[in-house]
Structures are given as structure tokens and as C-alpha cells.
C-alpha atoms as a PDB file:
ATOM      1  CA  MET A   1     -71.255 -10.684 -51.295  1.00  0.00           C
ATOM      2  CA  SER A   2     -68.991 -13.350 -52.866  1.00  0.00           C
ATOM      3  CA  ASP A   3     -65.781 -14.421 -51.155  1.00  0.00           C
ATOM      4  CA  TYR A   4     -64.527 -17.288 -53.313  1.00  0.00           C
ATOM      5  CA  PRO A   5     -61.406 -19.079 -52.038  1.00  0.00           C
ATOM      6  CA  LYS A   6     -58.246 -19.207 -54.132  1.00  0.00           C
ATOM      7  CA  PHE A   7     -57.597 -22.836 -53.174  1.00  0.00           C
ATOM      8  CA  VAL A   8     -60.018 -25.635 -52.277  1.00  0.00           C
ATOM      9  CA  GLU A   9     -58.825 -28.603 -50.206  1.00  0.00           C
ATOM     10  CA  ILE A  10     -60.502 -31.850 -51.202  1.00  0.00           C
ATOM     11  CA  HIS A  11     -60.664 -34.846 -48.885  1.00  0.00           C
ATOM     12  CA  GLU A  12     -61.190 -37.973 -50.971  1.00  0.00           C
ATOM     13  CA  GLU A  13     -63.424 -40.563 -49.275  1.00  0.00           C
ATOM     14  CA  GLY A  14     -64.148 -42.848 -52.213  1.00  0.00           C
ATOM     15  CA  PRO A  15     -62.446 -45.991 -50.891  1.00  0.00           C
ATOM     16  CA  ARG A  16     -64.001 -45.800 -47.424  1.00  0.00           C
ATOM     17  CA  GLU A  17     -67.393 -44.447 -48.430  1.00  0.00           C
ATOM     18  CA  GLY A  18     -67.731 -46.485 -51.597  1.00  0.00           C
ATOM     19  CA  PHE A  19     -66.665 -49.918 -50.525  1.00  0.00           C
ATOM     20  CA  GLN A  20     -68.842 -49.831 -47.398  1.00  0.00           C
ATOM     21  CA  ILE A  21     -72.008 -49.922 -49.489  1.00  0.00           C
ATOM     22  CA  GLU A  22     -71.157 -52.072 -52.492  1.00  0.00           C
ATOM     23  CA  PRO A  23     -73.349 -55.217 -52.437  1.00  0.00           C
ATOM     24  CA  GLY A  24     -70.645 -57.595 -53.591  1.00  0.00           C
ATOM     25  CA  PRO A  25     -67.276 -58.159 -51.925  1.00  0.00           C
ATOM     26  CA  ILE A  26     -64.471 -56.074 -53.449  1.00  0.00           C
ATOM     27  CA  PRO A  27     -61.103 -57.863 -53.310  1.00  0.00           C
ATOM     28  CA  THR A  28     -58.516 -56.254 -51.047  1.00  0.00           C
ATOM     29  CA  ALA A  29     -56.106 -55.971 -53.961  1.00  0.00           C
ATOM     30  CA  GLU A  30     -58.625 -53.868 -55.908  1.00  0.00           C
ATOM     31  CA  LYS A  31     -59.132 -51.554 -52.937  1.00  0.00           C
ATOM     32  CA  VAL A  32     -55.362 -51.130 -52.721  1.00  0.00           C
ATOM     33  CA  ARG A  33     -55.176 -50.456 -56.476  1.00  0.00           C
ATOM     34  CA  LEU A  34     -57.706 -47.633 -56.205  1.00  0.00           C
ATOM     35  CA  ILE A  35     -56.034 -46.066 -53.145  1.00  0.00           C
ATOM     36  CA  GLU A  36     -52.618 -46.064 -54.807  1.00  0.00           C
ATOM     37  CA  ALA A  37     -54.048 -44.643 -58.051  1.00  0.00           C
ATOM     38  CA  LEU A  38     -55.789 -41.810 -56.188  1.00  0.00           C
ATOM     39  CA  ALA A  39     -52.472 -40.922 -54.569  1.00  0.00           C
ATOM     40  CA  GLU A  40     -51.054 -40.127 -58.043  1.00  0.00           C
ATOM     41  CA  THR A  41     -53.693 -37.492 -58.924  1.00  0.00           C
ATOM     42  CA  GLY A  42     -52.541 -34.659 -56.666  1.00  0.00           C
ATOM     43  CA  LEU A  43     -54.897 -35.442 -53.786  1.00  0.00           C
ATOM     44  CA  HIS A  44     -53.366 -34.953 -50.340  1.00  0.00           C
ATOM     45  CA  HIS A  45     -56.148 -36.410 -48.163  1.00  0.00           C
ATOM     46  CA  ILE A  46     -57.498 -39.931 -48.779  1.00  0.00           C
ATOM     47  CA  GLN A  47     -59.791 -41.822 -46.387  1.00  0.00           C
ATOM     48  CA  VAL A  48     -58.893 -45.435 -47.010  1.00  0.00           C
ATOM     49  CA  CYS A  49     -61.123 -47.600 -44.793  1.00  0.00           C
ATOM     50  CA  SER A  50     -63.608 -48.001 -41.955  1.00  0.00           C
ATOM     51  CA  PHE A  51     -62.725 -49.775 -38.716  1.00  0.00           C
ATOM     52  CA  VAL A  52     -66.355 -50.619 -38.028  1.00  0.00           C
ATOM     53  CA  ASN A  53     -68.550 -53.547 -37.040  1.00  0.00           C
ATOM     54  CA  THR A  54     -68.012 -56.071 -39.813  1.00  0.00           C
ATOM     55  CA  ARG A  55     -71.460 -57.589 -39.252  1.00  0.00           C
ATOM     56  CA  LEU A  56     -73.101 -54.246 -40.045  1.00  0.00           C
ATOM     57  CA  VAL A  57     -70.583 -53.161 -42.700  1.00  0.00           C
ATOM     58  CA  PRO A  58     -69.177 -56.382 -44.222  1.00  0.00           C
ATOM     59  CA  GLY A  59     -67.538 -54.426 -47.040  1.00  0.00           C
ATOM     60  CA  TRP A  60     -64.810 -53.385 -44.592  1.00  0.00           C
ATOM     61  CA  ALA A  61     -64.092 -56.742 -43.004  1.00  0.00           C
ATOM     62  CA  ASP A  62     -60.631 -56.445 -44.593  1.00  0.00           C
ATOM     63  CA  ALA A  63     -59.781 -52.993 -43.210  1.00  0.00           C
ATOM     64  CA  GLU A  64     -56.546 -54.166 -41.601  1.00  0.00           C
ATOM     65  CA  ALA A  65     -55.427 -56.039 -44.699  1.00  0.00           C
ATOM     66  CA  THR A  66     -56.126 -53.049 -46.933  1.00  0.00           C
ATOM     67  CA  VAL A  67     -54.148 -50.638 -44.755  1.00  0.00           C
ATOM     68  CA  ALA A  68     -51.293 -53.082 -44.412  1.00  0.00           C
ATOM     69  CA  ASP A  69     -51.071 -53.683 -48.167  1.00  0.00           C
ATOM     70  CA  PHE A  70     -51.204 -50.263 -49.797  1.00  0.00           C
ATOM     71  CA  LYS A  71     -47.966 -48.393 -50.383  1.00  0.00           C
ATOM     72  CA  ALA A  72     -48.147 -44.961 -48.743  1.00  0.00           C
ATOM     73  CA  LYS A  73     -46.922 -41.987 -50.733  1.00  0.00           C
ATOM     74  CA  PRO A  74     -45.067 -39.278 -48.776  1.00  0.00           C
ATOM     75  CA  GLY A  75     -46.981 -36.041 -48.290  1.00  0.00           C
ATOM     76  CA  ILE A  76     -50.424 -37.642 -48.292  1.00  0.00           C
ATOM     77  CA  HIS A  77     -52.658 -37.870 -45.231  1.00  0.00           C
ATOM     78  CA  TYR A  78     -54.252 -41.321 -45.203  1.00  0.00           C
ATOM     79  CA  THR A  79     -57.103 -41.631 -42.711  1.00  0.00           C
ATOM     80  CA  GLY A  80     -59.608 -44.181 -41.450  1.00  0.00           C
ATOM     81  CA  LEU A  81     -63.013 -43.980 -39.810  1.00  0.00           C
ATOM     82  CA  TRP A  82     -64.203 -45.516 -36.531  1.00  0.00           C
ATOM     83  CA  PHE A  83     -67.062 -44.975 -34.101  1.00  0.00           C
ATOM     84  CA  ASN A  84     -66.077 -46.658 -30.848  1.00  0.00           C
ATOM     85  CA  ALA A  85     -63.233 -47.841 -28.639  1.00  0.00           C
ATOM     86  CA  ASN A  86     -62.793 -51.082 -30.555  1.00  0.00           C
ATOM     87  CA  GLY A  87     -62.467 -49.190 -33.826  1.00  0.00           C
ATOM     88  CA  LEU A  88     -59.944 -46.805 -32.289  1.00  0.00           C
ATOM     89  CA  GLU A  89     -57.888 -49.715 -30.990  1.00  0.00           C
ATOM     90  CA  ARG A  90     -57.802 -51.225 -34.490  1.00  0.00           C
ATOM     91  CA  ALA A  91     -56.754 -47.886 -35.987  1.00  0.00           C
ATOM     92  CA  LEU A  92     -54.004 -47.345 -33.409  1.00  0.00           C
ATOM     93  CA  ALA A  93     -52.195 -50.372 -34.752  1.00  0.00           C
ATOM     94  CA  PHE A  94     -51.544 -48.334 -37.924  1.00  0.00           C
ATOM     95  CA  ARG A  95     -50.641 -44.954 -36.490  1.00  0.00           C
ATOM     96  CA  ASP A  96     -47.289 -45.111 -38.296  1.00  0.00           C
ATOM     97  CA  LYS A  97     -49.159 -45.203 -41.631  1.00  0.00           C
ATOM     98  CA  LEU A  98     -52.440 -43.382 -40.973  1.00  0.00           C
ATOM     99  CA  THR A  99     -53.021 -39.819 -39.821  1.00  0.00           C
ATOM    100  CA  LEU A 100     -55.141 -40.440 -36.740  1.00  0.00           C
ATOM    101  CA  ALA A 101     -57.528 -37.729 -35.616  1.00  0.00           C
ATOM    102  CA  GLY A 102     -60.718 -37.958 -33.638  1.00  0.00           C
ATOM    103  CA  ALA A 103     -63.946 -36.057 -34.086  1.00  0.00           C
ATOM    104  CA  ILE A 104     -66.942 -35.250 -31.935  1.00  0.00           C
ATOM    105  CA  SER A 105     -69.510 -36.844 -34.229  1.00  0.00           C
ATOM    106  CA  LEU A 106     -73.091 -35.697 -33.678  1.00  0.00           C
ATOM    107  CA  THR A 107     -76.356 -35.624 -35.611  1.00  0.00           C
ATOM    108  CA  ALA A 108     -78.840 -32.776 -35.920  1.00  0.00           C
ATOM    109  CA  SER A 109     -81.624 -35.373 -36.243  1.00  0.00           C
ATOM    110  CA  GLU A 110     -82.656 -37.596 -33.348  1.00  0.00           C
ATOM    111  CA  GLY A 111     -84.264 -39.974 -35.841  1.00  0.00           C
ATOM    112  CA  PHE A 112     -81.052 -40.517 -37.762  1.00  0.00           C
ATOM    113  CA  THR A 113     -79.009 -40.860 -34.559  1.00  0.00           C
ATOM    114  CA  ARG A 114     -81.219 -43.797 -33.601  1.00  0.00           C
ATOM    115  CA  LYS A 115     -81.127 -45.347 -37.063  1.00  0.00           C
ATOM    116  CA  ASN A 116     -77.401 -44.889 -37.641  1.00  0.00           C
ATOM    117  CA  LEU A 117     -76.035 -45.505 -34.141  1.00  0.00           C
ATOM    118  CA  ASN A 118     -78.952 -47.024 -32.215  1.00  0.00           C
ATOM    119  CA  ARG A 119     -78.674 -44.208 -29.638  1.00  0.00           C
ATOM    120  CA  SER A 120     -80.681 -41.220 -28.528  1.00  0.00           C
ATOM    121  CA  HIS A 121     -79.084 -37.785 -28.845  1.00  0.00           C
ATOM    122  CA  ALA A 122     -78.425 -37.761 -25.093  1.00  0.00           C
ATOM    123  CA  GLU A 123     -76.865 -41.217 -25.259  1.00  0.00           C
ATOM    124  CA  ASN A 124     -74.697 -40.124 -28.162  1.00  0.00           C
ATOM    125  CA  LEU A 125     -73.492 -37.067 -26.229  1.00  0.00           C
ATOM    126  CA  ALA A 126     -72.468 -39.342 -23.371  1.00  0.00           C
ATOM    127  CA  ALA A 127     -70.679 -41.633 -25.814  1.00  0.00           C
ATOM    128  CA  MET A 128     -68.860 -38.676 -27.393  1.00  0.00           C
ATOM    129  CA  ARG A 129     -67.701 -37.463 -23.975  1.00  0.00           C
ATOM    130  CA  LYS A 130     -66.164 -40.859 -23.282  1.00  0.00           C
ATOM    131  CA  GLN A 131     -64.742 -41.183 -26.766  1.00  0.00           C
ATOM    132  CA  THR A 132     -63.169 -37.719 -26.724  1.00  0.00           C
ATOM    133  CA  ALA A 133     -61.454 -38.468 -23.425  1.00  0.00           C
ATOM    134  CA  LEU A 134     -60.313 -41.840 -24.798  1.00  0.00           C
ATOM    135  CA  HIS A 135     -58.836 -40.259 -27.922  1.00  0.00           C
ATOM    136  CA  LEU A 136     -56.930 -37.681 -25.930  1.00  0.00           C
ATOM    137  CA  SER A 137     -55.616 -40.326 -23.528  1.00  0.00           C
ATOM    138  CA  HIS A 138     -54.042 -42.032 -26.569  1.00  0.00           C
ATOM    139  CA  HIS A 139     -52.633 -38.707 -27.812  1.00  0.00           C
ATOM    140  CA  VAL A 140     -55.057 -38.669 -30.736  1.00  0.00           C
ATOM    141  CA  PRO A 141     -56.146 -35.051 -31.302  1.00  0.00           C
ATOM    142  CA  VAL A 142     -59.833 -34.115 -31.321  1.00  0.00           C
ATOM    143  CA  ASN A 143     -60.146 -30.778 -33.086  1.00  0.00           C
ATOM    144  CA  ARG A 144     -63.199 -31.420 -35.248  1.00  0.00           C
ATOM    145  CA  ILE A 145     -66.966 -31.479 -34.766  1.00  0.00           C
ATOM    146  CA  GLY A 146     -69.012 -33.333 -37.369  1.00  0.00           C
ATOM    147  CA  VAL A 147     -72.750 -32.790 -37.702  1.00  0.00           C
ATOM    148  CA  MET A 148     -74.640 -35.333 -39.783  1.00  0.00           C
ATOM    149  CA  ALA A 149     -78.077 -34.613 -41.293  1.00  0.00           C
ATOM    150  CA  ALA A 150     -77.268 -30.909 -41.044  1.00  0.00           C
ATOM    151  CA  PHE A 151     -79.672 -29.903 -43.811  1.00  0.00           C
ATOM    152  CA  GLY A 152     -82.506 -32.424 -43.549  1.00  0.00           C
ATOM    153  CA  CYS A 153     -83.345 -36.015 -42.693  1.00  0.00           C
ATOM    154  CA  ASN A 154     -85.344 -38.815 -44.314  1.00  0.00           C
ATOM    155  CA  TYR A 155     -86.596 -39.815 -40.847  1.00  0.00           C
ATOM    156  CA  GLN A 156     -87.258 -36.396 -39.317  1.00  0.00           C
ATOM    157  CA  GLY A 157     -87.789 -34.031 -42.250  1.00  0.00           C
ATOM    158  CA  ASP A 158     -86.439 -30.495 -42.472  1.00  0.00           C
ATOM    159  CA  ILE A 159     -83.651 -29.546 -40.074  1.00  0.00           C
ATOM    160  CA  SER A 160     -83.466 -25.899 -39.081  1.00  0.00           C
ATOM    161  CA  ALA A 161     -80.293 -23.862 -38.780  1.00  0.00           C
ATOM    162  CA  ALA A 162     -81.148 -23.453 -35.088  1.00  0.00           C
ATOM    163  CA  GLN A 163     -81.051 -27.243 -34.638  1.00  0.00           C
ATOM    164  CA  VAL A 164     -77.618 -27.357 -36.264  1.00  0.00           C
ATOM    165  CA  VAL A 165     -76.328 -24.523 -34.066  1.00  0.00           C
ATOM    166  CA  SER A 166     -77.652 -26.322 -30.985  1.00  0.00           C
ATOM    167  CA  THR A 167     -75.911 -29.533 -32.042  1.00  0.00           C
ATOM    168  CA  VAL A 168     -72.597 -27.748 -32.648  1.00  0.00           C
ATOM    169  CA  ALA A 169     -72.973 -26.093 -29.221  1.00  0.00           C
ATOM    170  CA  ASP A 170     -73.275 -29.557 -27.659  1.00  0.00           C
ATOM    171  CA  GLY A 171     -70.035 -30.534 -29.372  1.00  0.00           C
ATOM    172  CA  MET A 172     -68.288 -27.358 -28.264  1.00  0.00           C
ATOM    173  CA  ALA A 173     -69.290 -28.096 -24.673  1.00  0.00           C
ATOM    174  CA  ILE A 174     -67.726 -31.563 -24.907  1.00  0.00           C
ATOM    175  CA  ALA A 175     -64.541 -30.063 -26.350  1.00  0.00           C
ATOM    176  CA  ALA A 176     -64.383 -27.482 -23.543  1.00  0.00           C
ATOM    177  CA  GLU A 177     -64.878 -30.158 -20.879  1.00  0.00           C
ATOM    178  CA  ASN A 178     -61.854 -32.003 -22.282  1.00  0.00           C
ATOM    179  CA  GLY A 179     -59.691 -28.934 -22.828  1.00  0.00           C
ATOM    180  CA  THR A 180     -59.445 -29.314 -26.592  1.00  0.00           C
ATOM    181  CA  ARG A 181     -59.927 -26.595 -29.209  1.00  0.00           C
ATOM    182  CA  ILE A 182     -62.197 -27.119 -32.211  1.00  0.00           C
ATOM    183  CA  GLU A 183     -60.587 -26.071 -35.475  1.00  0.00           C
ATOM    184  CA  VAL A 184     -63.042 -27.547 -38.005  1.00  0.00           C
ATOM    185  CA  ILE A 185     -66.838 -27.777 -38.062  1.00  0.00           C
ATOM    186  CA  SER A 186     -67.932 -30.285 -40.677  1.00  0.00           C
ATOM    187  CA  LEU A 187     -71.544 -30.099 -41.870  1.00  0.00           C
ATOM    188  CA  ALA A 188     -72.846 -33.199 -43.632  1.00  0.00           C
ATOM    189  CA  ASP A 189     -75.773 -33.373 -46.023  1.00  0.00           C
ATOM    190  CA  THR A 190     -76.032 -37.065 -45.228  1.00  0.00           C
ATOM    191  CA  MET A 191     -79.296 -37.721 -47.074  1.00  0.00           C
ATOM    192  CA  GLY A 192     -79.213 -35.082 -49.787  1.00  0.00           C
ATOM    193  CA  TRP A 193     -81.665 -32.491 -48.462  1.00  0.00           C
ATOM    194  CA  ALA A 194     -79.514 -29.418 -49.044  1.00  0.00           C
ATOM    195  CA  ALA A 195     -80.151 -26.722 -51.616  1.00  0.00           C
ATOM    196  CA  PRO A 196     -78.127 -23.522 -52.080  1.00  0.00           C
ATOM    197  CA  HIS A 197     -80.381 -21.410 -49.863  1.00  0.00           C
ATOM    198  CA  ARG A 198     -80.128 -23.997 -47.066  1.00  0.00           C
ATOM    199  CA  ILE A 199     -76.350 -24.073 -47.450  1.00  0.00           C
ATOM    200  CA  GLU A 200     -76.173 -20.283 -47.125  1.00  0.00           C
ATOM    201  CA  ASN A 201     -78.553 -20.189 -44.169  1.00  0.00           C
ATOM    202  CA  VAL A 202     -76.903 -22.930 -42.099  1.00  0.00           C
ATOM    203  CA  ILE A 203     -73.339 -21.814 -42.794  1.00  0.00           C
ATOM    204  CA  GLY A 204     -74.300 -18.231 -42.051  1.00  0.00           C
ATOM    205  CA  GLU A 205     -75.820 -19.133 -38.681  1.00  0.00           C
ATOM    206  CA  VAL A 206     -72.924 -21.389 -37.657  1.00  0.00           C
ATOM    207  CA  ARG A 207     -70.348 -18.777 -38.647  1.00  0.00           C
ATOM    208  CA  ALA A 208     -72.210 -16.031 -36.806  1.00  0.00           C
ATOM    209  CA  ARG A 209     -71.866 -18.070 -33.605  1.00  0.00           C
ATOM    210  CA  TRP A 210     -68.352 -19.473 -34.199  1.00  0.00           C
ATOM    211  CA  PRO A 211     -66.434 -17.317 -36.700  1.00  0.00           C
ATOM    212  CA  GLU A 212     -62.984 -18.864 -36.156  1.00  0.00           C
ATOM    213  CA  PRO A 213     -63.243 -22.619 -37.012  1.00  0.00           C
ATOM    214  CA  THR A 214     -62.950 -23.734 -40.607  1.00  0.00           C
ATOM    215  CA  ILE A 215     -66.248 -24.842 -42.152  1.00  0.00           C
ATOM    216  CA  ALA A 216     -66.053 -28.074 -44.130  1.00  0.00           C
ATOM    217  CA  LEU A 217     -68.851 -29.696 -46.128  1.00  0.00           C
ATOM    218  CA  HIS A 218     -69.693 -33.346 -46.735  1.00  0.00           C
ATOM    219  CA  LEU A 219     -72.218 -33.266 -49.583  1.00  0.00           C
ATOM    220  CA  HIS A 220     -74.309 -36.092 -51.012  1.00  0.00           C
ATOM    221  CA  ASP A 221     -75.766 -35.871 -54.510  1.00  0.00           C
ATOM    222  CA  THR A 222     -78.962 -37.756 -53.728  1.00  0.00           C
ATOM    223  CA  ARG A 223     -81.152 -35.227 -55.536  1.00  0.00           C
ATOM    224  CA  GLY A 224     -78.625 -33.826 -57.991  1.00  0.00           C
ATOM    225  CA  LEU A 225     -77.864 -30.562 -56.199  1.00  0.00           C
ATOM    226  CA  ALA A 226     -74.409 -31.303 -54.793  1.00  0.00           C
ATOM    227  CA  VAL A 227     -72.469 -29.207 -57.329  1.00  0.00           C
ATOM    228  CA  ALA A 228     -74.901 -26.296 -56.925  1.00  0.00           C
ATOM    229  CA  ASN A 229     -74.511 -26.593 -53.160  1.00  0.00           C
ATOM    230  CA  ALA A 230     -70.716 -26.640 -53.431  1.00  0.00           C
ATOM    231  CA  ALA A 231     -70.794 -23.503 -55.585  1.00  0.00           C
ATOM    232  CA  ALA A 232     -73.011 -21.753 -53.026  1.00  0.00           C
ATOM    233  CA  ALA A 233     -70.643 -22.737 -50.230  1.00  0.00           C
ATOM    234  CA  MET A 234     -67.562 -21.576 -52.133  1.00  0.00           C
ATOM    235  CA  ARG A 235     -69.281 -18.254 -52.741  1.00  0.00           C
ATOM    236  CA  MET A 236     -69.261 -17.939 -48.943  1.00  0.00           C
ATOM    237  CA  GLY A 237     -65.568 -18.800 -48.764  1.00  0.00           C
ATOM    238  CA  VAL A 238     -65.855 -22.488 -47.834  1.00  0.00           C
ATOM    239  CA  ALA A 239     -62.638 -24.147 -48.969  1.00  0.00           C
ATOM    240  CA  GLN A 240     -62.762 -27.709 -47.629  1.00  0.00           C
ATOM    241  CA  PHE A 241     -64.951 -30.486 -49.044  1.00  0.00           C
ATOM    242  CA  ASP A 242     -65.279 -34.255 -48.746  1.00  0.00           C
ATOM    243  CA  SER A 243     -65.969 -36.064 -52.018  1.00  0.00           C
ATOM    244  CA  THR A 244     -65.727 -39.470 -53.665  1.00  0.00           C
ATOM    245  CA  VAL A 245     -64.179 -40.415 -56.985  1.00  0.00           C
ATOM    246  CA  GLY A 246     -66.863 -41.370 -59.483  1.00  0.00           C
ATOM    247  CA  GLY A 247     -69.526 -40.615 -56.888  1.00  0.00           C
ATOM    248  CA  LEU A 248     -68.836 -43.876 -55.064  1.00  0.00           C
ATOM    249  CA  GLY A 249     -70.785 -44.580 -51.921  1.00  0.00           C
ATOM    250  CA  GLY A 250     -73.892 -43.546 -50.095  1.00  0.00           C
ATOM    251  CA  CYS A 251     -75.167 -43.983 -46.576  1.00  0.00           C
ATOM    252  CA  PRO A 252     -76.355 -47.540 -45.815  1.00  0.00           C
ATOM    253  CA  PHE A 253     -78.575 -46.247 -42.999  1.00  0.00           C
ATOM    254  CA  ALA A 254     -80.303 -43.424 -44.912  1.00  0.00           C
ATOM    255  CA  GLY A 255     -83.382 -45.460 -45.773  1.00  0.00           C
ATOM    256  CA  GLN A 256     -83.169 -44.683 -49.492  1.00  0.00           C
ATOM    257  CA  LYS A 257     -82.030 -47.652 -51.547  1.00  0.00           C
ATOM    258  CA  GLY A 258     -80.119 -46.788 -54.694  1.00  0.00           C
ATOM    259  CA  ALA A 259     -79.514 -43.140 -53.811  1.00  0.00           C
ATOM    260  CA  ALA A 260     -76.459 -41.488 -55.339  1.00  0.00           C
ATOM    261  CA  GLY A 261     -73.389 -41.144 -53.158  1.00  0.00           C
ATOM    262  CA  ASN A 262     -71.213 -38.159 -52.360  1.00  0.00           C
ATOM    263  CA  ILE A 263     -70.424 -35.283 -54.646  1.00  0.00           C
ATOM    264  CA  CYS A 264     -68.100 -36.650 -57.329  1.00  0.00           C
ATOM    265  CA  THR A 265     -64.506 -35.588 -56.804  1.00  0.00           C
ATOM    266  CA  GLU A 266     -63.868 -35.009 -60.499  1.00  0.00           C
ATOM    267  CA  GLU A 267     -67.024 -32.892 -60.888  1.00  0.00           C
ATOM    268  CA  LEU A 268     -66.006 -30.790 -57.889  1.00  0.00           C
ATOM    269  CA  VAL A 269     -62.508 -30.365 -59.363  1.00  0.00           C
ATOM    270  CA  LEU A 270     -64.028 -29.360 -62.721  1.00  0.00           C
ATOM    271  CA  LEU A 271     -66.246 -26.770 -61.006  1.00  0.00           C
ATOM    272  CA  CYS A 272     -63.213 -25.305 -59.255  1.00  0.00           C
ATOM    273  CA  ALA A 273     -61.117 -25.312 -62.429  1.00  0.00           C
ATOM    274  CA  GLU A 274     -63.788 -23.507 -64.434  1.00  0.00           C
ATOM    275  CA  MET A 275     -64.108 -20.920 -61.656  1.00  0.00           C
ATOM    276  CA  GLY A 276     -60.358 -20.354 -61.545  1.00  0.00           C
ATOM    277  CA  ILE A 277     -59.973 -21.994 -58.121  1.00  0.00           C
ATOM    278  CA  ASP A 278     -56.909 -24.201 -57.613  1.00  0.00           C
ATOM    279  CA  THR A 279     -57.162 -27.713 -56.130  1.00  0.00           C
ATOM    280  CA  GLY A 280     -53.713 -29.056 -57.031  1.00  0.00           C
ATOM    281  CA  ILE A 281     -55.399 -32.045 -58.712  1.00  0.00           C
ATOM    282  CA  ASP A 282     -54.777 -33.342 -62.242  1.00  0.00           C
ATOM    283  CA  LEU A 283     -58.362 -33.584 -63.517  1.00  0.00           C
ATOM    284  CA  ASP A 284     -57.731 -35.775 -66.559  1.00  0.00           C
ATOM    285  CA  HIS A 285     -55.748 -38.226 -64.421  1.00  0.00           C
ATOM    286  CA  LEU A 286     -58.525 -38.214 -61.824  1.00  0.00           C
ATOM    287  CA  ILE A 287     -61.131 -38.986 -64.508  1.00  0.00           C
ATOM    288  CA  GLU A 288     -59.105 -42.063 -65.475  1.00  0.00           C
ATOM    289  CA  VAL A 289     -59.106 -43.167 -61.833  1.00  0.00           C
ATOM    290  CA  GLY A 290     -62.878 -42.650 -61.772  1.00  0.00           C
ATOM    291  CA  ARG A 291     -63.157 -45.015 -64.731  1.00  0.00           C
ATOM    292  CA  MET A 292     -60.989 -47.471 -62.819  1.00  0.00           C
ATOM    293  CA  ALA A 293     -63.364 -47.234 -59.849  1.00  0.00           C
ATOM    294  CA  GLU A 294     -66.298 -48.000 -62.140  1.00  0.00           C
ATOM    295  CA  GLU A 295     -64.451 -51.025 -63.488  1.00  0.00           C
ATOM    296  CA  ILE A 296     -63.687 -52.249 -59.962  1.00  0.00           C
ATOM    297  CA  VAL A 297     -67.287 -52.086 -58.711  1.00  0.00           C
ATOM    298  CA  GLY A 298     -68.643 -53.487 -61.972  1.00  0.00           C
ATOM    299  CA  HIS A 299     -71.516 -51.059 -62.536  1.00  0.00           C
ATOM    300  CA  VAL A 300     -72.116 -47.527 -63.781  1.00  0.00           C
ATOM    301  CA  LEU A 301     -71.191 -44.820 -61.266  1.00  0.00           C
ATOM    302  CA  PRO A 302     -73.088 -41.517 -60.927  1.00  0.00           C
ATOM    303  CA  SER A 303     -70.317 -39.280 -62.271  1.00  0.00           C
ATOM    304  CA  GLU A 304     -71.173 -37.681 -65.607  1.00  0.00           C
ATOM    305  CA  LEU A 305     -67.593 -36.555 -66.060  1.00  0.00           C
ATOM    306  CA  ILE A 306     -65.979 -40.000 -66.204  1.00  0.00           C
ATOM    307  CA  HIS A 307     -68.182 -40.635 -69.233  1.00  0.00           C
ATOM    308  CA  ALA A 308     -68.032 -37.162 -70.847  1.00  0.00           C
ATOM    309  CA  GLY A 309     -64.392 -36.207 -70.222  1.00  0.00           C
ATOM    310  CA  SER A 310     -63.002 -32.851 -69.125  1.00  0.00           C
ATOM    311  CA  LEU A 311     -63.536 -29.587 -70.963  1.00  0.00           C
ATOM    312  CA  ASP A 312     -59.777 -29.079 -71.231  1.00  0.00           C
ATOM    313  CA  ALA A 313     -59.493 -32.348 -73.136  1.00  0.00           C
ATOM    314  CA  PHE A 314     -61.901 -30.984 -75.738  1.00  0.00           C
ATOM    315  CA  ARG A 315     -60.215 -27.580 -75.715  1.00  0.00           C
ATOM    316  CA  ARG A 316     -56.940 -29.277 -76.637  1.00  0.00           C
ATOM    317  CA  GLN A 317     -58.645 -31.114 -79.514  1.00  0.00           C
ATOM    318  CA  ALA A 318     -60.187 -27.869 -80.778  1.00  0.00           C
ATOM    319  CA  ALA A 319     -56.938 -25.889 -80.623  1.00  0.00           C
END
């Protein structure tokens, strides 16, 4: 039975996700230009940088400079990403400009946990216990559980819904130990293994166990199924998605060179528009920003829409 939402909330991650994987250095001024342009499209959530190890992710060596330089627009939640105490400390310096929120970040695949974080699952649970307590001690809320590789893994193969439920349960236990309530469960198709039936199965099992938290999806388009997966999720009432303008990005630790990045923001907005679902985003303006992103990185991006244009643009010509 379909239960499509009336409004879909889109969290734009293009700057953070995209610039972490680009082979050449992107000037800080160009990062700022993209962030400020995205803020004019109707988006209300923009992830602007990563406070991560600059040796492993040199594309974000200028995280502080980027955050300091962009002009924040009122009403927009600007966020950053970090994985440890050092990253949190760097982010705290900008709590007047960034919306700081922690997450209990876990992986349904032991293989990817080791590749991405150089930890076992048990070691990562211990790290998340410490990190959750650290966040709360700095008055940074932790109301979100993120599960990477929730639909499959290049290092471990298929991931069952039971494995995802077990991973979420580990996160819920950490939240309970620290007296914090989980409001969002984010499921990430980190390496592009999801298909609509997997989406329905995993979401169904997670919701059956925890019906109250919001389900959010972080979809990659590695094998071209991201839009189909988003449609399947929306049919189940999912109304929160991460995406990247132009399809910027990809996971540098996925072991698949050249794979497409996240679901393209403009293609997700088009899907919603054609289904009569509101996003609050100006699609034609967003397409122009996607073309800007392509110009900034200097190569063709995966988005078909930044090359084809919106349907409404052609409808206006035909009228």
C-alpha cells in the first residue's frame, strides 16, 4: 500500500561529499561560491565540509577557511562532518555558524568498518560510546543513528535486513546508556547495492522494530538505481533524503574507482515534482547550480538533468 509523503526534505551534501573525492585541489573561493549558490535554491540543509584527517582526505584541508568565508543565509542549517574528538573540537569553533549535531555512526558490514575506519565493529561501538558521551558533554545533541553499507558491501557482499536491525539495536543501546533519544535512523547505500525490493525489505524490518524514529536515506547511484530506490522509499512514506548537486562525490574507501556519487539532488527534485510532492526547491535554479558545480570540478558530472534541462522548461516552450 502506497503512503507517499506530501513534502520531502532534502539534505544537500554536494560540497562536503563532492570535494572530498575530487583528485585536484578545489580553491576555497570556489567551494564558497557553490555553497552560497545552493543557499539560493530553496534548500534548507547544506553540509558544507568535513573536519577530517587532512592526510586521508586532502580535499578538506581548508575546512576552517571554507566555513569562515561563506556568508550564511538565515533559515538554513549548515552542517559539517567529523569522526573523532579532534574533528568535533574543530567544528565547535564554528558553532555560531554551523548547526552541530552528533550521530551514532555504525556500519552493517565489518569489512567496510575496517576499510573506512580501521576498526572492528566492536572497536567502533566502543568509539561511539565515547564519542556520544563527548558530544553530550559539549551540549551537542545526539539524536541520530547512521548505518553505512545498509544494503550491501563491496567487501562483504549482500547485507541482510537482520544485520541492519542488529546494527541499529547496537546504536539504540548506546543511546540508552547515555540517556539520549533517537529521532532519526539514517540508512546509507554507501556502495550502491540497493534495489527497490531491498529498500522495501530493510525499511520494513527497521520500522517494524522501531516505528517512531524518522527514516532517512543516503543513496548512491553507483549502479544507476538511486532514483528507483528513492521512489520505492517514498512509496513507503520516507520523506528525508541526502543528495548531492550534479551527483558530486562518492566514497573514497568503497574500493570502486570512478563510481558515481550520491543521488543527484536535481533528479530527486524532478522525481518529486513529477509525483506532485513538494520540496520547496526551485528546480531550474538548482540545475544552473549543478552546471556551476560541473564547471568548478572541471569534468562531466553524472547528472543527466543538468545537461537535459527540466521538463517544466520544455513545457513552457511548448505552451
